[in-house]
Amino acid sequence: MRKRRIEQLQRRLERREAEIRDNLRSKEEEYREVSHETHAEVMDEAQAQSDTFTRDVMQVHEDRQLTGIQAALQRIREDRYGLCVACGGRIDEGRLTARPEAAFCIECERRNEKR
């Protein structure tokens, strides 16, 4: 893959990393505010549990995205970007365009999904 294309994907990854970090920060602040309000007001316990569960699930998802992005950025720094971490083969450029954090080629990804 051309160096210029890798640099474009790197910028996308860095922007997405910043977005996720900002989103996680703002959610944490929002949660703290709601927690204070919740103690001041009587809130339905089921709603509080539902909100907490939803927030936790979303945070796990964003944490996983962040981990994948950071790993992709590390592969760029190590000049291993675009190579499957399982088999060492090339990851299709179209796949990287769609998912710049992709660590596996299509074949290895399919094998992982079957497990």
PDB file of N, CA and C in Angstrom:
ATOM      1  N   MET A   1       0.842  -1.170   0.000  1.00  0.00           N
ATOM      2  CA  MET A   1       0.000   0.000   0.000  1.00  0.00           C
ATOM      3  C   MET A   1       0.895   1.244   0.000  1.00  0.00           C
ATOM      4  N   ARG A   2       0.465   2.239  -0.734  1.00  0.00           N
ATOM      5  CA  ARG A   2       1.258   3.462  -0.840  1.00  0.00           C
ATOM      6  C   ARG A   2       1.320   4.206   0.491  1.00  0.00           C
ATOM      7  N   LYS A   3       2.440   4.862   0.692  1.00  0.00           N
ATOM      8  CA  LYS A   3       2.670   5.603   1.933  1.00  0.00           C
ATOM      9  C   LYS A   3       1.616   6.700   2.120  1.00  0.00           C
ATOM     10  N   ARG A   4       1.265   7.371   1.049  1.00  0.00           N
ATOM     11  CA  ARG A   4       0.278   8.445   1.135  1.00  0.00           C
ATOM     12  C   ARG A   4      -1.072   7.905   1.622  1.00  0.00           C
ATOM     13  N   ARG A   5      -1.458   6.736   1.122  1.00  0.00           N
ATOM     14  CA  ARG A   5      -2.732   6.135   1.534  1.00  0.00           C
ATOM     15  C   ARG A   5      -2.681   5.749   3.010  1.00  0.00           C
ATOM     16  N   ILE A   6      -1.573   5.213   3.452  1.00  0.00           N
ATOM     17  CA  ILE A   6      -1.409   4.866   4.868  1.00  0.00           C
ATOM     18  C   ILE A   6      -1.513   6.118   5.724  1.00  0.00           C
ATOM     19  N   GLU A   7      -0.915   7.214   5.284  1.00  0.00           N
ATOM     20  CA  GLU A   7      -0.994   8.473   6.043  1.00  0.00           C
ATOM     21  C   GLU A   7      -2.441   8.968   6.138  1.00  0.00           C
ATOM     22  N   GLN A   8      -3.212   8.816   5.067  1.00  0.00           N
ATOM     23  CA  GLN A   8      -4.628   9.206   5.105  1.00  0.00           C
ATOM     24  C   GLN A   8      -5.391   8.367   6.123  1.00  0.00           C
ATOM     25  N   LEU A   9      -5.152   7.075   6.094  1.00  0.00           N
ATOM     26  CA  LEU A   9      -5.826   6.188   7.038  1.00  0.00           C
ATOM     27  C   LEU A   9      -5.378   6.467   8.473  1.00  0.00           C
ATOM     28  N   GLN A  10      -4.121   6.813   8.636  1.00  0.00           N
ATOM     29  CA  GLN A  10      -3.610   7.156   9.965  1.00  0.00           C
ATOM     30  C   GLN A  10      -4.339   8.384  10.510  1.00  0.00           C
ATOM     31  N   ARG A  11      -4.533   9.385   9.668  1.00  0.00           N
ATOM     32  CA  ARG A  11      -5.264  10.584  10.111  1.00  0.00           C
ATOM     33  C   ARG A  11      -6.696  10.238  10.496  1.00  0.00           C
ATOM     34  N   ARG A  12      -7.341   9.356   9.723  1.00  0.00           N
ATOM     35  CA  ARG A  12      -8.702   8.914  10.071  1.00  0.00           C
ATOM     36  C   ARG A  12      -8.715   8.216  11.422  1.00  0.00           C
ATOM     37  N   LEU A  13      -7.740   7.339  11.638  1.00  0.00           N
ATOM     38  CA  LEU A  13      -7.656   6.630  12.910  1.00  0.00           C
ATOM     39  C   LEU A  13      -7.431   7.605  14.071  1.00  0.00           C
ATOM     40  N   GLU A  14      -6.563   8.560  13.873  1.00  0.00           N
ATOM     41  CA  GLU A  14      -6.288   9.539  14.934  1.00  0.00           C
ATOM     42  C   GLU A  14      -7.515  10.398  15.240  1.00  0.00           C
ATOM     43  N   ARG A  15      -8.264  10.784  14.194  1.00  0.00           N
ATOM     44  CA  ARG A  15      -9.498  11.551  14.419  1.00  0.00           C
ATOM     45  C   ARG A  15     -10.525  10.724  15.187  1.00  0.00           C
ATOM     46  N   ARG A  16     -10.664   9.462  14.782  1.00  0.00           N
ATOM     47  CA  ARG A  16     -11.635   8.592  15.453  1.00  0.00           C
ATOM     48  C   ARG A  16     -11.226   8.339  16.898  1.00  0.00           C
ATOM     49  N   GLU A  17      -9.936   8.190  17.133  1.00  0.00           N
ATOM     50  CA  GLU A  17      -9.436   8.004  18.499  1.00  0.00           C
ATOM     51  C   GLU A  17      -9.803   9.213  19.352  1.00  0.00           C
ATOM     52  N   ALA A  18      -9.583  10.401  18.834  1.00  0.00           N
ATOM     53  CA  ALA A  18      -9.917  11.626  19.571  1.00  0.00           C
ATOM     54  C   ALA A  18     -11.428  11.726  19.822  1.00  0.00           C
ATOM     55  N   GLU A  19     -12.232  11.366  18.826  1.00  0.00           N
ATOM     56  CA  GLU A  19     -13.690  11.391  18.992  1.00  0.00           C
ATOM     57  C   GLU A  19     -14.136  10.459  20.110  1.00  0.00           C
ATOM     58  N   ILE A  20     -13.597   9.250  20.121  1.00  0.00           N
ATOM     59  CA  ILE A  20     -13.985   8.278  21.141  1.00  0.00           C
ATOM     60  C   ILE A  20     -13.559   8.758  22.517  1.00  0.00           C
ATOM     61  N   ARG A  21     -12.341   9.269  22.626  1.00  0.00           N
ATOM     62  CA  ARG A  21     -11.872   9.776  23.926  1.00  0.00           C
ATOM     63  C   ARG A  21     -12.764  10.919  24.413  1.00  0.00           C
ATOM     64  N   ASP A  22     -13.103  11.848  23.526  1.00  0.00           N
ATOM     65  CA  ASP A  22     -13.990  12.958  23.898  1.00  0.00           C
ATOM     66  C   ASP A  22     -15.360  12.442  24.311  1.00  0.00           C
ATOM     67  N   ASN A  23     -15.865  11.486  23.560  1.00  0.00           N
ATOM     68  CA  ASN A  23     -17.167  10.910  23.854  1.00  0.00           C
ATOM     69  C   ASN A  23     -17.169  10.220  25.225  1.00  0.00           C
ATOM     70  N   LEU A  24     -16.136   9.456  25.506  1.00  0.00           N
ATOM     71  CA  LEU A  24     -16.037   8.786  26.800  1.00  0.00           C
ATOM     72  C   LEU A  24     -15.956   9.801  27.942  1.00  0.00           C
ATOM     73  N   ARG A  25     -15.184  10.868  27.729  1.00  0.00           N
ATOM     74  CA  ARG A  25     -15.073  11.924  28.749  1.00  0.00           C
ATOM     75  C   ARG A  25     -16.424  12.588  29.009  1.00  0.00           C
ATOM     76  N   SER A  26     -17.121  12.959  27.928  1.00  0.00           N
ATOM     77  CA  SER A  26     -18.395  13.652  28.096  1.00  0.00           C
ATOM     78  C   SER A  26     -19.444  12.733  28.721  1.00  0.00           C
ATOM     79  N   LYS A  27     -19.425  11.449  28.380  1.00  0.00           N
ATOM     80  CA  LYS A  27     -20.356  10.520  29.000  1.00  0.00           C
ATOM     81  C   LYS A  27     -20.080  10.379  30.488  1.00  0.00           C
ATOM     82  N   GLU A  28     -18.821  10.353  30.847  1.00  0.00           N
ATOM     83  CA  GLU A  28     -18.461  10.256  32.263  1.00  0.00           C
ATOM     84  C   GLU A  28     -18.945  11.494  33.015  1.00  0.00           C
ATOM     85  N   GLU A  29     -18.748  12.666  32.433  1.00  0.00           N
ATOM     86  CA  GLU A  29     -19.227  13.902  33.059  1.00  0.00           C
ATOM     87  C   GLU A  29     -20.746  13.899  33.178  1.00  0.00           C
ATOM     88  N   GLU A  30     -21.406  13.479  32.108  1.00  0.00           N
ATOM     89  CA  GLU A  30     -22.869  13.412  32.108  1.00  0.00           C
ATOM     90  C   GLU A  30     -23.359  12.433  33.175  1.00  0.00           C
ATOM     91  N   TYR A  31     -22.690  11.310  33.298  1.00  0.00           N
ATOM     92  CA  TYR A  31     -23.075  10.317  34.294  1.00  0.00           C
ATOM     93  C   TYR A  31     -22.937  10.887  35.706  1.00  0.00           C
ATOM     94  N   ARG A  32     -21.849  11.607  35.950  1.00  0.00           N
ATOM     95  CA  ARG A  32     -21.659  12.217  37.267  1.00  0.00           C
ATOM     96  C   ARG A  32     -22.773  13.217  37.571  1.00  0.00           C
ATOM     97  N   GLU A  33     -23.137  14.030  36.576  1.00  0.00           N
ATOM     98  CA  GLU A  33     -24.209  15.012  36.766  1.00  0.00           C
ATOM     99  C   GLU A  33     -25.533  14.319  37.055  1.00  0.00           C
ATOM    100  N   VAL A  34     -25.847  13.299  36.268  1.00  0.00           N
ATOM    101  CA  VAL A  34     -27.103  12.574  36.463  1.00  0.00           C
ATOM    102  C   VAL A  34     -27.116  11.876  37.812  1.00  0.00           C
ATOM    103  N   SER A  35     -25.978  11.340  38.229  1.00  0.00           N
ATOM    104  CA  SER A  35     -25.899  10.667  39.521  1.00  0.00           C
ATOM    105  C   SER A  35     -26.242  11.626  40.649  1.00  0.00           C
ATOM    106  N   HIS A  36     -25.734  12.854  40.574  1.00  0.00           N
ATOM    107  CA  HIS A  36     -26.038  13.854  41.599  1.00  0.00           C
ATOM    108  C   HIS A  36     -27.517  14.215  41.580  1.00  0.00           C
ATOM    109  N   GLU A  37     -28.055  14.385  40.376  1.00  0.00           N
ATOM    110  CA  GLU A  37     -29.476  14.709  40.246  1.00  0.00           C
ATOM    111  C   GLU A  37     -30.330  13.557  40.746  1.00  0.00           C
ATOM    112  N   THR A  38     -29.893  12.343  40.461  1.00  0.00           N
ATOM    113  CA  THR A  38     -30.659  11.169  40.860  1.00  0.00           C
ATOM    114  C   THR A  38     -30.768  11.086  42.375  1.00  0.00           C
ATOM    115  N   HIS A  39     -29.700  11.442  43.070  1.00  0.00           N
ATOM    116  CA  HIS A  39     -29.756  11.414  44.516  1.00  0.00           C
ATOM    117  C   HIS A  39     -30.674  12.516  45.047  1.00  0.00           C
ATOM    118  N   ALA A  40     -30.758  13.610  44.345  1.00  0.00           N
ATOM    119  CA  ALA A  40     -31.610  14.708  44.773  1.00  0.00           C
ATOM    120  C   ALA A  40     -33.079  14.400  44.488  1.00  0.00           C
ATOM    121  N   GLU A  41     -33.349  13.673  43.412  1.00  0.00           N
ATOM    122  CA  GLU A  41     -34.717  13.312  43.041  1.00  0.00           C
ATOM    123  C   GLU A  41     -34.901  11.812  43.241  1.00  0.00           C
ATOM    124  N   VAL A  42     -36.110  11.407  43.389  1.00  0.00           N
ATOM    125  CA  VAL A  42     -36.394   9.978  43.491  1.00  0.00           C
ATOM    126  C   VAL A  42     -36.576   9.461  42.065  1.00  0.00           C
ATOM    127  N   MET A  43     -35.698   8.530  41.704  1.00  0.00           N
ATOM    128  CA  MET A  43     -35.752   7.990  40.339  1.00  0.00           C
ATOM    129  C   MET A  43     -36.156   6.527  40.400  1.00  0.00           C
ATOM    130  N   ASP A  44     -36.902   6.119  39.454  1.00  0.00           N
ATOM    131  CA  ASP A  44     -37.312   4.722  39.372  1.00  0.00           C
ATOM    132  C   ASP A  44     -36.079   3.835  39.308  1.00  0.00           C
ATOM    133  N   GLU A  45     -35.983   2.873  40.208  1.00  0.00           N
ATOM    134  CA  GLU A  45     -34.809   2.003  40.299  1.00  0.00           C
ATOM    135  C   GLU A  45     -34.577   1.220  39.003  1.00  0.00           C
ATOM    136  N   ALA A  46     -35.633   0.755  38.385  1.00  0.00           N
ATOM    137  CA  ALA A  46     -35.484   0.002  37.137  1.00  0.00           C
ATOM    138  C   ALA A  46     -34.881   0.877  36.043  1.00  0.00           C
ATOM    139  N   GLN A  47     -35.322   2.123  35.965  1.00  0.00           N
ATOM    140  CA  GLN A  47     -34.773   3.046  34.970  1.00  0.00           C
ATOM    141  C   GLN A  47     -33.300   3.316  35.241  1.00  0.00           C
ATOM    142  N   ALA A  48     -32.951   3.487  36.493  1.00  0.00           N
ATOM    143  CA  ALA A  48     -31.557   3.737  36.861  1.00  0.00           C
ATOM    144  C   ALA A  48     -30.678   2.547  36.464  1.00  0.00           C
ATOM    145  N   GLN A  49     -31.174   1.332  36.720  1.00  0.00           N
ATOM    146  CA  GLN A  49     -30.405   0.142  36.362  1.00  0.00           C
ATOM    147  C   GLN A  49     -30.275   0.007  34.843  1.00  0.00           C
ATOM    148  N   SER A  50     -31.359   0.303  34.142  1.00  0.00           N
ATOM    149  CA  SER A  50     -31.334   0.242  32.678  1.00  0.00           C
ATOM    150  C   SER A  50     -30.336   1.245  32.105  1.00  0.00           C
ATOM    151  N   ASP A  51     -30.358   2.459  32.631  1.00  0.00           N
ATOM    152  CA  ASP A  51     -29.430   3.496  32.167  1.00  0.00           C
ATOM    153  C   ASP A  51     -27.986   3.089  32.426  1.00  0.00           C
ATOM    154  N   THR A  52     -27.734   2.530  33.601  1.00  0.00           N
ATOM    155  CA  THR A  52     -26.381   2.096  33.949  1.00  0.00           C
ATOM    156  C   THR A  52     -25.922   0.974  33.035  1.00  0.00           C
ATOM    157  N   PHE A  53     -26.799   0.005  32.778  1.00  0.00           N
ATOM    158  CA  PHE A  53     -26.458  -1.109  31.891  1.00  0.00           C
ATOM    159  C   PHE A  53     -26.139  -0.598  30.488  1.00  0.00           C
ATOM    160  N   THR A  54     -26.989   0.274  29.958  1.00  0.00           N
ATOM    161  CA  THR A  54     -26.787   0.823  28.615  1.00  0.00           C
ATOM    162  C   THR A  54     -25.463   1.579  28.534  1.00  0.00           C
ATOM    163  N   ARG A  55     -25.194   2.397  29.524  1.00  0.00           N
ATOM    164  CA  ARG A  55     -23.942   3.166  29.550  1.00  0.00           C
ATOM    165  C   ARG A  55     -22.737   2.234  29.586  1.00  0.00           C
ATOM    166  N   ASP A  56     -22.824   1.179  30.393  1.00  0.00           N
ATOM    167  CA  ASP A  56     -21.712   0.235  30.507  1.00  0.00           C
ATOM    168  C   ASP A  56     -21.464  -0.506  29.197  1.00  0.00           C
ATOM    169  N   VAL A  57     -22.538  -0.942  28.527  1.00  0.00           N
ATOM    170  CA  VAL A  57     -22.402  -1.644  27.252  1.00  0.00           C
ATOM    171  C   VAL A  57     -21.766  -0.734  26.211  1.00  0.00           C
ATOM    172  N   MET A  58     -22.222   0.507  26.154  1.00  0.00           N
ATOM    173  CA  MET A  58     -21.667   1.456  25.187  1.00  0.00           C
ATOM    174  C   MET A  58     -20.199   1.732  25.489  1.00  0.00           C
ATOM    175  N   GLN A  59     -19.853   1.823  26.766  1.00  0.00           N
ATOM    176  CA  GLN A  59     -18.463   2.083  27.119  1.00  0.00           C
ATOM    177  C   GLN A  59     -17.571   0.913  26.738  1.00  0.00           C
ATOM    178  N   VAL A  60     -18.038  -0.309  26.940  1.00  0.00           N
ATOM    179  CA  VAL A  60     -17.252  -1.489  26.550  1.00  0.00           C
ATOM    180  C   VAL A  60     -17.016  -1.471  25.039  1.00  0.00           C
ATOM    181  N   HIS A  61     -18.062  -1.163  24.279  1.00  0.00           N
ATOM    182  CA  HIS A  61     -17.940  -1.099  22.814  1.00  0.00           C
ATOM    183  C   HIS A  61     -16.910  -0.036  22.403  1.00  0.00           C
ATOM    184  N   GLU A  62     -17.004   1.142  22.992  1.00  0.00           N
ATOM    185  CA  GLU A  62     -16.059   2.205  22.635  1.00  0.00           C
ATOM    186  C   GLU A  62     -14.650   1.884  23.110  1.00  0.00           C
ATOM    187  N   ASP A  63     -14.521   1.233  24.252  1.00  0.00           N
ATOM    188  CA  ASP A  63     -13.194   0.814  24.725  1.00  0.00           C
ATOM    189  C   ASP A  63     -12.555  -0.168  23.743  1.00  0.00           C
ATOM    190  N   ARG A  64     -13.361  -1.089  23.210  1.00  0.00           N
ATOM    191  CA  ARG A  64     -12.843  -2.048  22.223  1.00  0.00           C
ATOM    192  C   ARG A  64     -12.419  -1.342  20.940  1.00  0.00           C
ATOM    193  N   GLN A  65     -13.241  -0.382  20.506  1.00  0.00           N
ATOM    194  CA  GLN A  65     -12.874   0.389  19.312  1.00  0.00           C
ATOM    195  C   GLN A  65     -11.562   1.118  19.546  1.00  0.00           C
ATOM    196  N   LEU A  66     -11.440   1.740  20.690  1.00  0.00           N
ATOM    197  CA  LEU A  66     -10.229   2.491  21.019  1.00  0.00           C
ATOM    198  C   LEU A  66      -9.010   1.578  21.034  1.00  0.00           C
ATOM    199  N   THR A  67      -9.146   0.403  21.598  1.00  0.00           N
ATOM    200  CA  THR A  67      -8.040  -0.561  21.628  1.00  0.00           C
ATOM    201  C   THR A  67      -7.627  -0.960  20.208  1.00  0.00           C
ATOM    202  N   GLY A  68      -8.602  -1.209  19.345  1.00  0.00           N
ATOM    203  CA  GLY A  68      -8.313  -1.564  17.954  1.00  0.00           C
ATOM    204  C   GLY A  68      -7.622  -0.444  17.204  1.00  0.00           C
ATOM    205  N   ILE A  69      -8.068   0.775  17.433  1.00  0.00           N
ATOM    206  CA  ILE A  69      -7.462   1.941  16.783  1.00  0.00           C
ATOM    207  C   ILE A  69      -6.026   2.126  17.259  1.00  0.00           C
ATOM    208  N   GLN A  70      -5.815   2.022  18.562  1.00  0.00           N
ATOM    209  CA  GLN A  70      -4.463   2.183  19.100  1.00  0.00           C
ATOM    210  C   GLN A  70      -3.528   1.095  18.562  1.00  0.00           C
ATOM    211  N   ALA A  71      -4.035  -0.119  18.425  1.00  0.00           N
ATOM    212  CA  ALA A  71      -3.219  -1.207  17.870  1.00  0.00           C
ATOM    213  C   ALA A  71      -2.870  -0.929  16.409  1.00  0.00           C
ATOM    214  N   ALA A  72      -3.842  -0.406  15.647  1.00  0.00           N
ATOM    215  CA  ALA A  72      -3.582  -0.077  14.236  1.00  0.00           C
ATOM    216  C   ALA A  72      -2.531   1.028  14.132  1.00  0.00           C
ATOM    217  N   LEU A  73      -2.637   2.040  14.976  1.00  0.00           N
ATOM    218  CA  LEU A  73      -1.642   3.123  14.970  1.00  0.00           C
ATOM    219  C   LEU A  73      -0.258   2.585  15.329  1.00  0.00           C
ATOM    220  N   GLN A  74      -0.209   1.629  16.241  1.00  0.00           N
ATOM    221  CA  GLN A  74       1.075   1.013  16.602  1.00  0.00           C
ATOM    222  C   GLN A  74       1.641   0.232  15.414  1.00  0.00           C
ATOM    223  N   ARG A  75       0.784  -0.472  14.681  1.00  0.00           N
ATOM    224  CA  ARG A  75       1.262  -1.202  13.495  1.00  0.00           C
ATOM    225  C   ARG A  75       1.796  -0.240  12.433  1.00  0.00           C
ATOM    226  N   ILE A  76       1.165   0.931  12.326  1.00  0.00           N
ATOM    227  CA  ILE A  76       1.674   1.942  11.378  1.00  0.00           C
ATOM    228  C   ILE A  76       3.077   2.365  11.800  1.00  0.00           C
ATOM    229  N   ARG A  77       3.243   2.652  13.089  1.00  0.00           N
ATOM    230  CA  ARG A  77       4.569   3.087  13.584  1.00  0.00           C
ATOM    231  C   ARG A  77       5.627   2.008  13.375  1.00  0.00           C
ATOM    232  N   GLU A  78       5.212   0.761  13.458  1.00  0.00           N
ATOM    233  CA  GLU A  78       6.152  -0.359  13.307  1.00  0.00           C
ATOM    234  C   GLU A  78       6.264  -0.848  11.864  1.00  0.00           C
ATOM    235  N   ASP A  79       5.630  -0.123  10.950  1.00  0.00           N
ATOM    236  CA  ASP A  79       5.660  -0.464   9.526  1.00  0.00           C
ATOM    237  C   ASP A  79       5.098  -1.863   9.260  1.00  0.00           C
ATOM    238  N   ARG A  80       4.062  -2.246  10.008  1.00  0.00           N
ATOM    239  CA  ARG A  80       3.394  -3.538   9.819  1.00  0.00           C
ATOM    240  C   ARG A  80       1.935  -3.346   9.441  1.00  0.00           C
ATOM    241  N   TYR A  81       1.534  -2.094   9.192  1.00  0.00           N
ATOM    242  CA  TYR A  81       0.138  -1.808   8.876  1.00  0.00           C
ATOM    243  C   TYR A  81      -0.235  -2.427   7.535  1.00  0.00           C
ATOM    244  N   GLY A  82      -1.415  -3.013   7.497  1.00  0.00           N
ATOM    245  CA  GLY A  82      -1.884  -3.648   6.258  1.00  0.00           C
ATOM    246  C   GLY A  82      -1.525  -5.114   6.167  1.00  0.00           C
ATOM    247  N   LEU A  83      -0.833  -5.626   7.188  1.00  0.00           N
ATOM    248  CA  LEU A  83      -0.492  -7.048   7.232  1.00  0.00           C
ATOM    249  C   LEU A  83      -1.339  -7.728   8.302  1.00  0.00           C
ATOM    250  N   CYS A  84      -1.903  -8.872   7.965  1.00  0.00           N
ATOM    251  CA  CYS A  84      -2.732  -9.630   8.894  1.00  0.00           C
ATOM    252  C   CYS A  84      -1.897 -10.070  10.096  1.00  0.00           C
ATOM    253  N   VAL A  85      -2.408  -9.828  11.289  1.00  0.00           N
ATOM    254  CA  VAL A  85      -1.660 -10.205  12.494  1.00  0.00           C
ATOM    255  C   VAL A  85      -1.662 -11.718  12.720  1.00  0.00           C
ATOM    256  N   ALA A  86      -2.541 -12.447  12.035  1.00  0.00           N
ATOM    257  CA  ALA A  86      -2.596 -13.899  12.199  1.00  0.00           C
ATOM    258  C   ALA A  86      -1.699 -14.624  11.198  1.00  0.00           C
ATOM    259  N   CYS A  87      -1.873 -14.315   9.919  1.00  0.00           N
ATOM    260  CA  CYS A  87      -1.148 -15.077   8.890  1.00  0.00           C
ATOM    261  C   CYS A  87      -0.011 -14.283   8.231  1.00  0.00           C
ATOM    262  N   GLY A  88       0.024 -12.974   8.447  1.00  0.00           N
ATOM    263  CA  GLY A  88       1.066 -12.148   7.845  1.00  0.00           C
ATOM    264  C   GLY A  88       0.788 -11.724   6.419  1.00  0.00           C
ATOM    265  N   GLY A  89      -0.335 -12.184   5.867  1.00  0.00           N
ATOM    266  CA  GLY A  89      -0.706 -11.806   4.501  1.00  0.00           C
ATOM    267  C   GLY A  89      -1.216 -10.369   4.434  1.00  0.00           C
ATOM    268  N   ARG A  90      -1.328  -9.866   3.227  1.00  0.00           N
ATOM    269  CA  ARG A  90      -1.810  -8.498   3.034  1.00  0.00           C
ATOM    270  C   ARG A  90      -3.306  -8.401   3.289  1.00  0.00           C
ATOM    271  N   ILE A  91      -3.704  -7.314   3.947  1.00  0.00           N
ATOM    272  CA  ILE A  91      -5.118  -7.001   4.124  1.00  0.00           C
ATOM    273  C   ILE A  91      -5.512  -6.136   2.937  1.00  0.00           C
ATOM    274  N   ASP A  92      -6.608  -6.491   2.300  1.00  0.00           N
ATOM    275  CA  ASP A  92      -7.086  -5.766   1.130  1.00  0.00           C
ATOM    276  C   ASP A  92      -7.279  -4.286   1.452  1.00  0.00           C
ATOM    277  N   GLU A  93      -6.846  -3.422   0.538  1.00  0.00           N
ATOM    278  CA  GLU A  93      -6.951  -1.977   0.755  1.00  0.00           C
ATOM    279  C   GLU A  93      -8.414  -1.541   0.933  1.00  0.00           C
ATOM    280  N   GLY A  94      -9.322  -2.180   0.225  1.00  0.00           N
ATOM    281  CA  GLY A  94     -10.738  -1.862   0.381  1.00  0.00           C
ATOM    282  C   GLY A  94     -11.227  -2.143   1.794  1.00  0.00           C
ATOM    283  N   ARG A  95     -10.739  -3.227   2.376  1.00  0.00           N
ATOM    284  CA  ARG A  95     -11.096  -3.561   3.768  1.00  0.00           C
ATOM    285  C   ARG A  95     -10.552  -2.505   4.721  1.00  0.00           C
ATOM    286  N   LEU A  96      -9.321  -2.072   4.485  1.00  0.00           N
ATOM    287  CA  LEU A  96      -8.728  -1.049   5.351  1.00  0.00           C
ATOM    288  C   LEU A  96      -9.414   0.301   5.176  1.00  0.00           C
ATOM    289  N   THR A  97      -9.889   0.570   3.980  1.00  0.00           N
ATOM    290  CA  THR A  97     -10.624   1.812   3.757  1.00  0.00           C
ATOM    291  C   THR A  97     -11.928   1.788   4.557  1.00  0.00           C
ATOM    292  N   ALA A  98     -12.595   0.644   4.550  1.00  0.00           N
ATOM    293  CA  ALA A  98     -13.852   0.510   5.288  1.00  0.00           C
ATOM    294  C   ALA A  98     -13.625   0.447   6.796  1.00  0.00           C
ATOM    295  N   ARG A  99     -12.576  -0.260   7.205  1.00  0.00           N
ATOM    296  CA  ARG A  99     -12.265  -0.434   8.626  1.00  0.00           C
ATOM    297  C   ARG A  99     -10.761  -0.256   8.817  1.00  0.00           C
ATOM    298  N   PRO A 100     -10.297   0.977   8.956  1.00  0.00           N
ATOM    299  CA  PRO A 100      -8.851   1.212   9.045  1.00  0.00           C
ATOM    300  C   PRO A 100      -8.170   0.502  10.218  1.00  0.00           C
ATOM    301  N   GLU A 101      -8.950   0.115  11.209  1.00  0.00           N
ATOM    302  CA  GLU A 101      -8.368  -0.577  12.359  1.00  0.00           C
ATOM    303  C   GLU A 101      -8.283  -2.092  12.163  1.00  0.00           C
ATOM    304  N   ALA A 102      -8.726  -2.583  11.005  1.00  0.00           N
ATOM    305  CA  ALA A 102      -8.726  -4.033  10.744  1.00  0.00           C
ATOM    306  C   ALA A 102      -7.344  -4.632  10.968  1.00  0.00           C
ATOM    307  N   ALA A 103      -7.330  -5.734  11.717  1.00  0.00           N
ATOM    308  CA  ALA A 103      -6.069  -6.399  12.034  1.00  0.00           C
ATOM    309  C   ALA A 103      -5.915  -7.714  11.280  1.00  0.00           C
ATOM    310  N   PHE A 104      -7.028  -8.212  10.712  1.00  0.00           N
ATOM    311  CA  PHE A 104      -7.017  -9.513  10.060  1.00  0.00           C
ATOM    312  C   PHE A 104      -7.454  -9.397   8.605  1.00  0.00           C
ATOM    313  N   CYS A 105      -6.899 -10.263   7.768  1.00  0.00           N
ATOM    314  CA  CYS A 105      -7.387 -10.384   6.400  1.00  0.00           C
ATOM    315  C   CYS A 105      -8.772 -11.038   6.469  1.00  0.00           C
ATOM    316  N   ILE A 106      -9.501 -11.014   5.381  1.00  0.00           N
ATOM    317  CA  ILE A 106     -10.855 -11.555   5.359  1.00  0.00           C
ATOM    318  C   ILE A 106     -10.885 -13.028   5.779  1.00  0.00           C
ATOM    319  N   GLU A 107      -9.962 -13.827   5.274  1.00  0.00           N
ATOM    320  CA  GLU A 107      -9.959 -15.260   5.574  1.00  0.00           C
ATOM    321  C   GLU A 107      -9.756 -15.511   7.066  1.00  0.00           C
ATOM    322  N   CYS A 108      -8.806 -14.826   7.668  1.00  0.00           N
ATOM    323  CA  CYS A 108      -8.548 -15.015   9.096  1.00  0.00           C
ATOM    324  C   CYS A 108      -9.699 -14.455   9.938  1.00  0.00           C
ATOM    325  N   GLU A 109     -10.291 -13.372   9.497  1.00  0.00           N
ATOM    326  CA  GLU A 109     -11.452 -12.808  10.209  1.00  0.00           C
ATOM    327  C   GLU A 109     -12.600 -13.814  10.206  1.00  0.00           C
ATOM    328  N   ARG A 110     -12.841 -14.453   9.082  1.00  0.00           N
ATOM    329  CA  ARG A 110     -13.907 -15.471   8.997  1.00  0.00           C
ATOM    330  C   ARG A 110     -13.629 -16.638   9.944  1.00  0.00           C
ATOM    331  N   ARG A 111     -12.382 -17.066   9.989  1.00  0.00           N
ATOM    332  CA  ARG A 111     -12.013 -18.147  10.903  1.00  0.00           C
ATOM    333  C   ARG A 111     -12.248 -17.740  12.356  1.00  0.00           C
ATOM    334  N   ASN A 112     -11.899 -16.499  12.690  1.00  0.00           N
ATOM    335  CA  ASN A 112     -12.103 -15.992  14.053  1.00  0.00           C
ATOM    336  C   ASN A 112     -13.592 -15.943  14.406  1.00  0.00           C
ATOM    337  N   GLU A 113     -14.413 -15.545  13.456  1.00  0.00           N
ATOM    338  CA  GLU A 113     -15.852 -15.436  13.707  1.00  0.00           C
ATOM    339  C   GLU A 113     -16.491 -16.802  13.919  1.00  0.00           C
ATOM    340  N   LYS A 114     -15.955 -17.826  13.272  1.00  0.00           N
ATOM    341  CA  LYS A 114     -16.505 -19.186  13.436  1.00  0.00           C
ATOM    342  C   LYS A 114     -16.246 -19.746  14.820  1.00  0.00           C
ATOM    343  N   ARG A 115     -15.198 -19.265  15.457  1.00  0.00           N
ATOM    344  CA  ARG A 115     -14.851 -19.775  16.797  1.00  0.00           C
ATOM    345  C   ARG A 115     -15.820 -19.328  17.789  1.00  0.00           C
TER     346      ARG A 115
END
